[in-house]
N, C-alpha and C. Protein backbone atom coordinates (compact mmCIF):
# COMPACT_ATOMS: atom_id res chain seq x y z
N UNK A 1 126.48 69.30 98.65
CA UNK A 1 126.24 69.39 100.27
C UNK A 1 125.95 71.20 99.82
N UNK A 2 125.35 71.93 100.88
CA UNK A 2 124.99 73.09 101.01
C UNK A 2 125.36 73.78 102.41
N UNK A 3 126.69 74.73 102.29
CA UNK A 3 126.97 75.42 103.58
C UNK A 3 126.50 76.63 103.60
N UNK A 4 127.10 77.61 104.57
CA UNK A 4 126.71 79.15 104.60
C UNK A 4 127.70 79.63 103.33
N UNK A 5 127.30 80.95 103.33
CA UNK A 5 128.93 81.57 102.72
C UNK A 5 130.09 81.57 102.93
N UNK A 6 130.11 81.06 104.10
CA UNK A 6 131.76 80.88 104.58
C UNK A 6 131.80 79.56 104.52
N UNK A 7 130.77 78.72 103.91
CA UNK A 7 131.14 77.29 103.48
C UNK A 7 131.18 76.83 105.38
N UNK A 8 130.52 77.10 106.22
CA UNK A 8 130.47 77.09 107.44
C UNK A 8 129.17 75.80 107.94
N UNK A 9 128.83 75.04 108.50
CA UNK A 9 127.36 74.48 108.66
C UNK A 9 126.67 75.49 109.53
N UNK A 10 125.17 75.43 109.43
CA UNK A 10 123.90 76.28 109.77
C UNK A 10 123.73 75.31 111.27
N UNK A 11 123.25 76.01 112.24
CA UNK A 11 122.45 75.49 113.17
C UNK A 11 121.27 74.83 112.56
N UNK A 12 120.39 73.90 113.54
CA UNK A 12 119.69 73.09 112.56
C UNK A 12 118.47 74.20 112.25
N UNK A 13 118.15 74.93 113.24
CA UNK A 13 116.63 76.00 113.25
C UNK A 13 117.39 76.80 111.69
N UNK A 14 118.37 77.06 111.57
CA UNK A 14 118.78 77.94 110.42
C UNK A 14 118.81 76.99 109.00
N UNK A 15 119.50 75.92 109.18
CA UNK A 15 119.06 74.75 108.11
C UNK A 15 117.25 74.99 107.81
N UNK A 16 116.46 74.28 108.39
CA UNK A 16 115.35 74.35 108.31
C UNK A 16 114.55 75.39 107.92
N UNK A 17 115.39 76.58 107.98
CA UNK A 17 114.84 77.80 107.54
C UNK A 17 114.69 77.69 105.85
N UNK A 18 116.24 77.84 105.68
CA UNK A 18 116.76 77.52 104.60
C UNK A 18 116.23 76.91 103.77
N UNK A 19 115.97 75.51 104.39
CA UNK A 19 115.32 74.41 103.42
C UNK A 19 114.15 74.80 102.78
N UNK A 20 113.03 75.65 103.88
CA UNK A 20 111.83 75.85 103.43
C UNK A 20 111.79 77.08 102.71
N UNK A 21 112.78 78.07 102.64
CA UNK A 21 112.81 78.79 101.78
C UNK A 21 113.01 78.32 100.19
N UNK A 22 113.86 77.25 100.30
CA UNK A 22 114.16 77.20 98.78
C UNK A 22 113.31 76.20 97.80
N UNK A 23 112.78 75.95 99.20
CA UNK A 23 111.16 74.91 98.54
C UNK A 23 110.25 76.10 98.08
N UNK A 24 110.24 76.85 98.83
CA UNK A 24 108.95 77.69 98.35
C UNK A 24 108.94 78.35 97.36
N UNK A 25 110.57 79.24 97.10
CA UNK A 25 110.81 79.86 96.18
C UNK A 25 111.57 79.09 94.87
N UNK A 26 111.92 78.00 95.12
CA UNK A 26 112.34 77.41 93.87
C UNK A 26 111.57 75.84 93.79
N UNK A 27 110.74 75.87 94.32
CA UNK A 27 110.68 74.21 94.48
C UNK A 27 111.27 72.51 94.31
N UNK A 28 112.72 73.20 94.87
CA UNK A 28 113.57 72.19 95.00
C UNK A 28 113.44 71.51 96.44
N UNK A 29 113.64 70.10 96.58
CA UNK A 29 113.73 69.59 98.09
C UNK A 29 115.16 69.35 98.57
N UNK A 30 115.34 69.55 99.85
CA UNK A 30 116.56 68.97 100.55
C UNK A 30 116.50 68.43 101.58
N UNK A 31 117.46 67.62 101.86
CA UNK A 31 117.55 67.15 103.44
C UNK A 31 118.25 67.71 104.54
N UNK A 32 118.23 68.02 105.40
CA UNK A 32 118.65 68.36 106.56
C UNK A 32 119.66 67.67 106.99
N UNK A 33 121.20 67.52 107.20
CA UNK A 33 121.81 66.67 107.33
C UNK A 33 122.99 67.19 108.60
N UNK A 34 123.16 66.48 109.43
CA UNK A 34 124.29 66.67 110.61
C UNK A 34 125.60 66.56 109.59
N UNK A 35 126.16 67.97 109.63
CA UNK A 35 127.97 68.38 109.33
C UNK A 35 128.69 68.95 110.22
N UNK A 36 129.92 68.34 110.14
CA UNK A 36 130.92 68.67 111.18
C UNK A 36 130.45 69.70 112.62
N UNK A 37 129.70 69.39 113.07
CA UNK A 37 129.14 69.67 114.39
C UNK A 37 128.00 70.40 114.20
N UNK A 38 127.88 70.79 112.77
CA UNK A 38 126.24 71.47 112.58
C UNK A 38 125.53 70.95 111.64
N UNK A 39 124.79 71.67 110.96
CA UNK A 39 123.65 71.20 110.14
C UNK A 39 123.98 71.65 108.64
N UNK A 40 124.11 70.63 107.63
CA UNK A 40 123.87 71.40 105.98
C UNK A 40 122.90 70.95 105.12
N UNK A 41 122.44 71.32 104.10
CA UNK A 41 121.62 70.78 103.45
C UNK A 41 122.06 70.17 102.28
N UNK A 42 121.52 68.69 101.86
CA UNK A 42 121.90 67.63 101.30
C UNK A 42 120.63 67.52 99.80
N UNK A 43 120.58 67.70 98.59
CA UNK A 43 119.57 67.41 97.72
C UNK A 43 118.60 66.43 98.30
N UNK A 44 117.37 66.59 98.35
CA UNK A 44 116.56 65.58 98.79
C UNK A 44 116.49 63.95 97.30
N UNK A 45 117.12 63.08 98.05
CA UNK A 45 116.83 61.68 97.33
C UNK A 45 115.65 60.88 97.04
N UNK A 46 114.89 61.30 95.74
CA UNK A 46 113.37 61.24 95.68
C UNK A 46 113.38 59.48 95.31
N UNK A 47 112.08 59.63 95.55
CA UNK A 47 111.88 58.04 95.71
C UNK A 47 111.86 57.57 94.09
N UNK A 48 112.11 56.15 93.83
CA UNK A 48 112.25 55.32 92.68
C UNK A 48 111.29 55.89 91.64
N UNK A 49 110.01 55.94 91.94
CA UNK A 49 108.64 56.18 90.98
C UNK A 49 108.45 57.52 91.66
N UNK A 50 109.00 58.93 91.36
CA UNK A 50 108.27 59.85 91.77
C UNK A 50 106.69 59.93 91.68
N UNK A 51 106.17 60.70 92.77
CA UNK A 51 104.27 61.12 92.68
C UNK A 51 104.62 61.74 91.75
N UNK A 52 103.13 62.22 91.12
CA UNK A 52 102.60 63.31 90.56
C UNK A 52 102.07 64.13 91.21
N UNK A 53 102.47 65.09 90.93
CA UNK A 53 101.72 66.65 91.90
C UNK A 53 99.90 66.72 91.19
N UNK A 54 99.50 66.68 92.22
CA UNK A 54 97.95 67.07 92.23
C UNK A 54 97.65 67.89 92.86
N UNK A 55 96.80 69.07 92.44
CA UNK A 55 96.32 70.08 92.77
C UNK A 55 94.87 69.96 92.99
N UNK A 56 94.33 70.94 93.84
CA UNK A 56 92.78 70.65 94.33
C UNK A 56 92.63 72.04 94.98
N UNK A 57 90.97 72.11 94.99
CA UNK A 57 90.52 73.47 95.51
C UNK A 57 89.73 72.94 96.36
N UNK A 58 88.49 74.18 97.50
CA UNK A 58 87.58 73.26 97.73
C UNK A 58 86.47 73.24 96.75
N UNK A 59 85.46 72.36 97.13
CA UNK A 59 84.35 71.64 95.67
C UNK A 59 83.23 73.30 96.11
N UNK A 60 82.74 73.11 94.90
CA UNK A 60 81.90 74.55 94.85
C UNK A 60 80.40 74.13 95.56
N UNK A 61 80.38 72.74 96.10
CA UNK A 61 79.07 72.40 96.57
C UNK A 61 79.56 72.87 98.69
N UNK A 62 80.61 72.88 98.63
CA UNK A 62 81.08 73.02 99.98
C UNK A 62 80.67 74.74 100.38
N UNK A 63 80.04 75.29 100.02
CA UNK A 63 79.50 76.85 99.89
C UNK A 63 77.96 77.17 99.93
N UNK A 64 77.19 75.94 100.69
CA UNK A 64 75.95 76.04 100.18
C UNK A 64 74.95 77.51 100.44
N UNK A 65 75.73 77.88 101.75
CA UNK A 65 75.57 79.80 101.82
C UNK A 65 75.11 80.54 100.76
N UNK A 66 76.08 80.26 100.13
CA UNK A 66 76.50 81.36 98.97
C UNK A 66 75.81 81.12 97.73
N UNK A 67 76.01 79.70 97.93
CA UNK A 67 74.98 79.35 96.38
C UNK A 67 73.56 79.48 96.25
N UNK A 68 72.85 79.48 97.57
CA UNK A 68 71.25 79.61 98.24
C UNK A 68 71.44 81.49 98.01
N UNK A 69 72.35 82.07 98.81
CA UNK A 69 72.17 83.75 98.42
C UNK A 69 71.93 83.85 96.75
N UNK A 70 73.12 83.65 96.17
CA UNK A 70 73.05 83.78 94.66
C UNK A 70 71.38 83.26 94.03
N UNK A 71 71.02 82.10 94.32
CA UNK A 71 69.72 81.54 93.60
C UNK A 71 68.92 82.65 94.25
N UNK A 72 68.48 83.01 95.49
CA UNK A 72 67.80 83.74 95.64
C UNK A 72 67.78 84.89 95.42
N UNK A 73 68.67 85.59 94.93
CA UNK A 73 68.77 87.03 94.51
C UNK A 73 68.33 86.75 93.04
N UNK A 74 68.93 85.69 91.91
CA UNK A 74 68.53 85.61 90.69
C UNK A 74 67.18 85.56 90.93
N UNK A 75 66.59 84.82 91.94
CA UNK A 75 64.87 84.82 91.69
C UNK A 75 64.18 86.05 91.61
N UNK A 76 64.92 86.48 92.95
CA UNK A 76 64.05 88.15 93.45
C UNK A 76 64.36 89.16 91.99
N UNK A 77 65.24 88.55 91.16
CA UNK A 77 65.48 89.22 90.27
C UNK A 77 64.22 89.15 89.17
N UNK A 78 64.06 87.98 89.07
CA UNK A 78 63.13 87.51 87.62
C UNK A 78 61.68 87.69 88.15
N UNK A 79 61.38 87.99 89.11
CA UNK A 79 60.07 87.99 89.81
C UNK A 79 59.78 89.55 89.94
N UNK A 80 60.55 90.48 89.65
CA UNK A 80 60.71 91.53 90.15
C UNK A 80 59.58 92.66 89.05
N UNK A 81 59.45 92.46 87.70
CA UNK A 81 58.57 92.98 87.35
C UNK A 81 57.31 92.45 87.79
N UNK A 82 56.74 91.18 88.31
CA UNK A 82 55.48 90.97 88.85
C UNK A 82 55.50 91.53 90.19
N UNK A 83 55.87 92.35 91.05
CA UNK A 83 56.24 92.63 92.30
C UNK A 83 54.72 93.52 92.62
N UNK A 84 54.47 94.60 91.67
CA UNK A 84 53.52 95.47 91.35
C UNK A 84 52.36 94.36 91.84
N UNK A 85 51.72 93.50 91.04
CA UNK A 85 50.56 93.22 90.83
C UNK A 85 50.49 91.71 91.97
N UNK A 86 52.33 91.31 92.35
CA UNK A 86 51.88 90.51 93.80
C UNK A 86 51.49 91.42 95.19
N UNK A 87 51.73 92.56 94.72
CA UNK A 87 51.47 93.32 96.37
C UNK A 87 50.30 93.67 96.30
N UNK A 88 49.20 93.17 95.14
CA UNK A 88 47.84 93.71 95.00
C UNK A 88 46.99 93.12 96.56
N UNK A 89 47.40 92.18 97.14
CA UNK A 89 47.08 91.51 98.19
C UNK A 89 46.89 92.16 99.51
N UNK A 90 48.08 93.01 99.42
CA UNK A 90 48.51 94.13 100.51
C UNK A 90 47.33 95.05 100.91
N UNK A 91 47.62 95.79 102.15
CA UNK A 91 46.29 96.85 102.46
C UNK A 91 46.69 97.94 101.23
N UNK A 92 45.49 98.16 101.07
CA UNK A 92 45.89 99.38 100.11
C UNK A 92 47.07 100.63 99.90
N UNK A 93 47.07 100.88 100.96
CA UNK A 93 48.16 101.96 101.18
C UNK A 93 49.78 101.28 100.60
N UNK A 94 49.60 100.17 101.45
CA UNK A 94 51.25 99.65 100.78
C UNK A 94 51.31 99.43 99.07
N UNK A 95 49.93 98.99 98.32
CA UNK A 95 49.97 98.53 97.23
C UNK A 95 49.96 100.07 96.66
N UNK A 96 49.27 101.25 97.08
CA UNK A 96 49.66 102.42 96.39
C UNK A 96 51.05 102.94 96.65
N UNK A 97 51.63 102.64 97.60
CA UNK A 97 53.10 102.89 97.33
C UNK A 97 53.68 102.22 96.78
N UNK A 98 53.71 100.71 96.57
CA UNK A 98 54.11 99.92 95.50
C UNK A 98 54.29 99.94 94.03
N UNK A 99 52.97 100.94 93.82
CA UNK A 99 52.85 101.33 92.56
C UNK A 99 53.25 102.41 92.01
N UNK A 100 54.01 102.69 93.10
CA UNK A 100 54.59 104.63 93.00
C UNK A 100 55.46 104.40 91.94
N UNK A 101 55.66 105.45 90.74
CA UNK A 101 56.81 105.85 89.75
C UNK A 101 58.12 105.83 90.64
N UNK A 102 59.16 105.02 90.61
CA UNK A 102 60.32 105.41 90.99
C UNK A 102 61.16 106.21 89.75
N UNK A 103 61.10 107.29 90.13
CA UNK A 103 61.65 108.41 89.42
C UNK A 103 63.33 108.48 89.48
N UNK A 104 64.36 108.47 88.31
CA UNK A 104 63.72 108.65 86.91
C UNK A 104 63.82 107.35 86.35
N UNK A 105 63.67 106.08 86.76
CA UNK A 105 63.91 105.00 86.40
C UNK A 105 62.03 104.97 85.36
N UNK A 106 61.26 105.14 85.79
CA UNK A 106 59.90 105.22 85.42
C UNK A 106 59.74 103.89 85.81
N UNK A 107 59.62 103.22 86.39
CA UNK A 107 59.13 101.81 86.90
C UNK A 107 58.75 102.00 88.34
N UNK A 108 57.55 101.05 88.53
CA UNK A 108 56.87 100.83 89.61
C UNK A 108 58.25 100.89 91.07
N UNK A 109 57.39 101.29 92.03
CA UNK A 109 58.69 101.07 93.31
C UNK A 109 58.48 100.00 93.36
N UNK A 110 58.19 98.88 93.89
CA UNK A 110 58.01 97.79 94.28
C UNK A 110 59.01 96.79 93.25
N UNK A 111 58.84 96.83 91.67
CA UNK A 111 60.04 96.25 91.18
C UNK A 111 61.61 96.81 91.26
N UNK A 112 61.24 98.09 91.24
CA UNK A 112 62.82 98.69 92.11
C UNK A 112 63.61 97.92 92.99
N UNK A 113 62.34 97.89 94.10
CA UNK A 113 63.50 97.55 95.34
C UNK A 113 63.43 95.88 95.59
N UNK A 114 62.52 95.35 94.81
CA UNK A 114 62.55 93.66 94.37
C UNK A 114 63.88 93.63 93.58
N UNK A 115 63.73 93.78 92.78
CA UNK A 115 65.31 94.09 92.38
C UNK A 115 66.59 94.33 92.47
N UNK A 116 66.67 95.56 93.29
CA UNK A 116 68.02 95.71 93.81
C UNK A 116 68.52 94.88 95.18
N UNK A 117 67.06 94.21 96.15
CA UNK A 117 67.63 93.26 96.78
C UNK A 117 68.46 92.34 96.16
N UNK A 118 67.56 92.15 95.13
CA UNK A 118 67.98 90.56 94.58
C UNK A 118 69.04 90.63 93.78
N UNK A 119 69.95 91.99 93.54
CA UNK A 119 70.93 92.34 92.96
C UNK A 119 71.70 92.02 94.02
N UNK A 120 71.62 92.88 95.50
CA UNK A 120 72.56 92.52 96.27
C UNK A 120 72.77 91.33 96.82
N UNK A 121 71.51 90.31 97.10
CA UNK A 121 71.80 89.07 97.19
C UNK A 121 72.49 88.25 96.06
N UNK A 122 72.42 88.11 95.01
CA UNK A 122 73.04 87.67 93.62
C UNK A 122 74.88 88.11 93.91
N UNK A 123 74.93 89.42 94.35
CA UNK A 123 76.59 89.91 94.18
C UNK A 123 77.22 89.46 95.09
N UNK A 124 76.60 89.23 96.79
CA UNK A 124 77.09 88.93 97.74
C UNK A 124 77.05 87.54 97.82
N UNK A 125 76.33 86.62 97.22
CA UNK A 125 76.43 85.24 97.13
C UNK A 125 78.01 84.93 96.10
N UNK A 126 78.03 85.33 95.01
CA UNK A 126 79.04 85.60 93.99
C UNK A 126 80.45 85.82 94.75
N UNK A 127 80.20 86.56 95.06
CA UNK A 127 81.54 87.05 95.88
C UNK A 127 81.82 86.00 96.74
N UNK A 128 81.30 85.33 97.81
CA UNK A 128 81.40 84.79 98.60
C UNK A 128 81.68 83.21 97.82
N UNK A 129 80.60 82.76 97.07
CA UNK A 129 81.37 81.61 96.55
C UNK A 129 82.93 81.92 95.58
N UNK A 130 83.20 83.23 95.02
CA UNK A 130 84.22 83.02 94.44
C UNK A 130 85.42 83.13 95.07
N UNK A 131 85.41 83.76 96.46
CA UNK A 131 86.50 83.79 97.51
C UNK A 131 86.49 82.82 98.03
N UNK A 132 85.06 81.59 98.44
CA UNK A 132 85.56 80.62 99.25
C UNK A 132 86.17 79.48 97.87
N UNK A 133 85.97 80.11 96.81
CA UNK A 133 86.74 78.67 95.82
C UNK A 133 88.08 79.06 95.54
N UNK A 134 88.67 80.32 95.55
CA UNK A 134 90.42 80.56 95.61
C UNK A 134 90.74 80.81 96.84
N UNK A 135 90.37 80.99 97.79
CA UNK A 135 91.26 81.43 98.89
C UNK A 135 91.95 80.27 99.06
N UNK A 136 92.04 79.00 99.08
CA UNK A 136 92.27 77.89 99.42
C UNK A 136 92.86 76.89 98.07
N UNK A 137 93.90 76.65 98.33
CA UNK A 137 94.78 75.92 97.25
C UNK A 137 95.59 75.26 97.79
N UNK A 138 95.12 73.38 97.17
CA UNK A 138 96.20 72.86 98.06
C UNK A 138 96.82 71.85 96.76
N UNK A 139 98.23 71.79 97.34
CA UNK A 139 99.07 70.73 96.56
C UNK A 139 99.78 69.54 97.03
N UNK A 140 99.28 68.31 96.52
CA UNK A 140 100.04 67.08 96.99
C UNK A 140 101.37 67.14 96.42
N UNK A 141 102.19 67.56 96.56
CA UNK A 141 103.52 67.39 95.55
C UNK A 141 104.47 66.36 95.65
N UNK A 142 105.59 66.34 95.09
CA UNK A 142 106.06 65.00 95.12
C UNK A 142 106.37 64.11 96.20
N UNK A 143 107.23 65.65 97.37
CA UNK A 143 107.64 65.08 98.59
C UNK A 143 106.83 65.71 99.84
N UNK A 144 105.92 66.33 99.36
CA UNK A 144 105.52 67.01 100.92
C UNK A 144 103.91 67.68 100.18
N UNK A 145 103.34 68.00 101.40
CA UNK A 145 102.03 68.53 101.00
C UNK A 145 101.78 70.09 101.06
N UNK A 146 101.18 70.85 100.28
CA UNK A 146 101.20 72.29 100.56
C UNK A 146 99.98 72.94 100.39
N UNK A 147 99.93 73.91 101.56
CA UNK A 147 98.31 74.91 101.77
C UNK A 147 98.51 75.86 101.20
N UNK A 148 98.06 76.76 100.11
CA UNK A 148 98.47 78.12 100.18
C UNK A 148 97.30 78.86 100.66
N UNK A 149 96.88 80.04 101.24
CA UNK A 149 96.35 81.04 101.54
C UNK A 149 96.43 82.39 101.33
N UNK A 150 94.86 82.55 101.06
CA UNK A 150 94.83 84.38 100.60
C UNK A 150 94.62 84.45 99.05
N UNK A 151 94.15 85.89 98.85
CA UNK A 151 93.77 85.96 97.60
C UNK A 151 94.94 87.03 96.85
N UNK A 152 94.97 88.23 97.32
CA UNK A 152 95.89 88.85 97.58
C UNK A 152 97.37 88.78 98.24
N UNK A 153 97.09 88.52 99.20
CA UNK A 153 98.32 88.48 100.43
C UNK A 153 98.50 86.78 100.50
N UNK A 154 99.30 86.36 99.95
CA UNK A 154 99.22 84.74 99.94
C UNK A 154 100.30 84.17 101.09
N UNK A 155 99.65 83.19 101.75
CA UNK A 155 100.84 82.34 102.84
C UNK A 155 100.68 80.64 102.45
N UNK A 156 102.07 80.30 102.86
CA UNK A 156 101.98 78.71 102.67
C UNK A 156 102.56 78.14 103.42
N UNK A 157 101.54 76.85 103.81
CA UNK A 157 102.16 75.89 105.05
C UNK A 157 102.55 74.60 104.13
N UNK A 158 103.52 74.07 104.77
CA UNK A 158 103.76 72.88 104.13
C UNK A 158 104.32 71.37 105.18
N UNK A 159 104.03 70.55 104.95
CA UNK A 159 104.14 69.50 105.82
C UNK A 159 105.08 68.19 104.84
N UNK A 160 106.09 67.66 105.09
CA UNK A 160 107.14 66.61 104.52
C UNK A 160 106.12 65.61 104.70
N UNK A 161 106.44 64.51 103.51
CA UNK A 161 105.56 63.59 103.88
C UNK A 161 106.35 62.75 105.12
N UNK A 162 107.65 62.91 105.23
CA UNK A 162 108.38 61.74 106.14
C UNK A 162 108.07 62.30 107.76
N UNK A 163 107.88 63.55 107.83
CA UNK A 163 107.47 64.08 109.02
C UNK A 163 106.12 63.74 109.33
N UNK A 164 105.09 63.50 108.42
CA UNK A 164 103.39 63.70 108.78
C UNK A 164 103.08 62.56 109.48
N UNK A 165 102.12 62.79 109.96
CA UNK A 165 101.21 61.81 111.06
C UNK A 165 99.99 61.30 110.15
N UNK A 166 99.77 60.32 110.70
CA UNK A 166 98.30 59.59 109.79
C UNK A 166 97.09 60.86 109.70
N UNK A 167 96.80 61.05 108.20
CA UNK A 167 96.11 62.28 107.91
C UNK A 167 94.59 61.48 108.52
N UNK A 168 93.55 62.49 109.18
CA UNK A 168 92.75 62.16 109.29
C UNK A 168 91.50 63.12 108.62
N UNK A 169 90.09 62.57 108.59
CA UNK A 169 89.29 63.05 107.81
C UNK A 169 88.05 63.59 108.66
N UNK A 170 87.27 64.55 108.47
CA UNK A 170 86.58 65.40 109.14
C UNK A 170 85.17 65.60 108.54
N UNK A 171 84.02 64.76 108.78
CA UNK A 171 82.69 64.81 107.93
C UNK A 171 81.79 64.97 108.66
N UNK A 172 80.94 65.47 108.89
CA UNK A 172 79.79 65.90 109.31
C UNK A 172 78.62 65.30 108.42
N UNK A 173 77.38 65.46 109.07
CA UNK A 173 76.16 65.09 108.73
C UNK A 173 76.28 65.61 107.23
N UNK A 174 75.94 66.85 107.19
CA UNK A 174 75.68 67.73 105.70
C UNK A 174 76.97 67.39 104.50
N UNK A 175 77.98 67.07 105.21
CA UNK A 175 79.08 67.16 104.72
C UNK A 175 79.20 65.66 103.49
N UNK A 176 78.65 64.57 104.55
CA UNK A 176 78.10 63.56 103.72
C UNK A 176 77.11 63.57 102.45
N UNK A 177 76.41 64.27 103.06
CA UNK A 177 74.80 64.39 101.93
C UNK A 177 75.64 65.30 100.69
N UNK A 178 76.52 66.18 101.08
CA UNK A 178 77.24 67.28 100.08
C UNK A 178 78.03 65.97 99.34
N UNK A 179 79.00 65.59 99.92
CA UNK A 179 79.97 64.42 99.23
C UNK A 179 81.53 64.90 99.11
N UNK A 180 81.42 65.79 100.28
CA UNK A 180 82.60 66.66 100.86
C UNK A 180 83.02 66.09 101.87
N UNK A 181 84.47 66.78 102.30
CA UNK A 181 84.98 66.51 103.90
C UNK A 181 86.09 67.39 103.73
N UNK A 182 86.67 67.38 104.83
CA UNK A 182 88.15 68.05 105.10
C UNK A 182 89.26 67.01 105.64
N UNK A 183 90.21 66.85 105.18
CA UNK A 183 91.67 65.96 105.45
C UNK A 183 92.40 67.09 106.39
N UNK A 184 92.99 66.62 107.49
CA UNK A 184 93.77 67.15 108.40
C UNK A 184 94.85 66.39 108.47
N UNK A 185 95.90 67.21 108.20
CA UNK A 185 97.85 66.28 108.55
C UNK A 185 98.20 67.02 109.23
N UNK A 186 99.01 66.48 110.36
CA UNK A 186 99.94 67.09 111.36
C UNK A 186 101.47 66.75 111.21
N UNK A 187 101.99 67.49 111.49
CA UNK A 187 103.76 67.18 111.62
C UNK A 187 104.30 66.15 112.85
N UNK A 188 105.25 65.22 112.44
CA UNK A 188 105.36 64.33 113.70
C UNK A 188 106.32 65.04 114.10
N UNK A 189 107.23 66.27 113.62
CA UNK A 189 108.38 66.97 114.52
C UNK A 189 109.15 67.11 113.53
N UNK A 190 110.31 67.03 113.44
CA UNK A 190 111.64 67.05 112.63
C UNK A 190 111.60 68.71 112.49
N UNK A 191 111.21 69.58 112.78
CA UNK A 191 111.67 70.80 112.66
C UNK A 191 110.53 71.31 112.21
N UNK A 192 109.19 70.70 111.83
CA UNK A 192 108.43 71.05 111.46
C UNK A 192 106.87 71.26 112.32
N UNK A 193 105.87 72.04 112.58
CA UNK A 193 105.09 71.92 113.73
C UNK A 193 103.84 72.45 112.87
N UNK A 194 102.59 72.11 113.49
CA UNK A 194 101.36 72.74 112.96
C UNK A 194 100.59 71.67 112.73
N UNK A 195 99.44 72.32 112.08
CA UNK A 195 98.31 70.87 111.24
C UNK A 195 98.28 71.93 109.73
N UNK A 196 98.22 70.90 108.61
CA UNK A 196 97.40 71.55 107.76
C UNK A 196 96.51 71.06 107.00
N UNK A 197 95.43 71.57 106.53
CA UNK A 197 93.84 71.04 106.28
C UNK A 197 93.26 71.33 105.28
N UNK A 198 93.02 70.18 104.31
CA UNK A 198 92.52 70.42 102.89
C UNK A 198 90.52 70.75 103.63
N UNK A 199 90.54 71.68 103.37
CA UNK A 199 88.97 71.91 103.42
C UNK A 199 87.64 72.01 102.57
N UNK A 200 86.55 71.24 102.36
CA UNK A 200 85.52 70.97 101.63
C UNK A 200 85.96 70.85 100.49
N UNK A 201 86.64 69.45 100.26
CA UNK A 201 86.72 68.97 98.94
C UNK A 201 85.91 67.92 98.94
N UNK A 202 85.78 67.46 97.32
CA UNK A 202 85.73 66.39 96.99
C UNK A 202 86.15 65.02 97.00
N UNK A 203 85.59 64.00 97.42
CA UNK A 203 86.00 62.68 97.35
C UNK A 203 87.10 62.65 98.65
N UNK A 204 86.92 63.21 99.83
CA UNK A 204 87.76 63.45 100.40
C UNK A 204 88.74 62.04 100.99
N UNK A 205 87.81 60.82 101.17
CA UNK A 205 88.22 59.44 101.40
C UNK A 205 89.20 59.10 100.52
N UNK A 206 89.30 59.22 98.98
CA UNK A 206 90.23 59.07 98.09
C UNK A 206 91.59 59.51 98.41
N UNK A 207 91.44 61.34 98.64
CA UNK A 207 92.41 62.18 98.63
C UNK A 207 93.11 61.50 100.18
N UNK A 208 92.59 61.25 101.07
CA UNK A 208 93.22 60.67 102.80
C UNK A 208 94.13 59.43 101.86
N UNK A 209 93.46 59.05 101.50
CA UNK A 209 93.91 57.46 101.07
C UNK A 209 95.16 57.52 100.21
N UNK A 210 95.17 58.56 99.23
CA UNK A 210 96.47 59.23 98.51
C UNK A 210 97.65 59.60 99.30
N UNK A 211 97.21 60.63 100.32
CA UNK A 211 98.19 61.21 101.39
C UNK A 211 98.87 60.10 102.17
N UNK A 212 97.58 59.13 102.54
CA UNK A 212 98.33 58.08 103.52
C UNK A 212 99.33 57.57 102.49
N UNK A 213 99.09 57.15 101.39
CA UNK A 213 100.04 55.87 100.25
C UNK A 213 101.51 56.91 100.32
N UNK A 214 101.36 58.25 99.61
CA UNK A 214 102.74 59.07 100.08
C UNK A 214 103.54 58.76 101.42
N UNK A 215 102.86 59.14 102.59
CA UNK A 215 103.58 59.39 103.54
C UNK A 215 104.10 57.53 103.86
N UNK A 216 103.28 56.67 103.48
CA UNK A 216 103.72 55.31 103.90
C UNK A 216 105.24 54.97 103.00
N UNK A 217 104.77 55.69 101.90
CA UNK A 217 106.09 55.50 100.65
C UNK A 217 107.29 56.24 101.00
N UNK A 218 107.52 56.99 101.83
CA UNK A 218 108.25 58.23 102.36
C UNK A 218 108.80 58.11 103.50
N UNK A 219 108.49 57.30 103.96
CA UNK A 219 109.09 56.86 105.43
C UNK A 219 109.67 55.78 105.66
């Protein structure tokens, strides 16, 4: 039984806050129990068959816009050397401008411009894709679901399976085509509030069923 530094019970709000801190920083789960007119922490009694920890990230195909930008950029870079020839069908004044040398590179202006636009699209698409993949991290732990957000400054949110409601699946037409979806889980109370969402994951129905199985066995 864990009490405060004077071996006195906490208020319920304090006990819940301490429990979350212990889990986030030590990975150890505790139950909040009534004790002598207040609340104390007791090590959580794990199920007979503990669940394995499953870690997930958003799927690559959950970011089609970023992928298209990167592909367009790569394509523009690929055709940049042919840009002066492709400009021959334009008015003569534009063709002359396109074939001007871009000092000090010694390349036609059209080639430089097309390559520059392509490089910008490729870079922007790649950055968006990397941020999309690494901004969210999901963990199905032995006794709770945790979502981590951020790259430099990280924020954690978690829901104990014992206090979770039935998970729901959000899947639009495009998501169905891409084989992705988002699974939402909300809290049923007991000091926890809010909702956590696993965005853009692969095989969302299988993930939903796994979360539901853990909720059923913990409640």
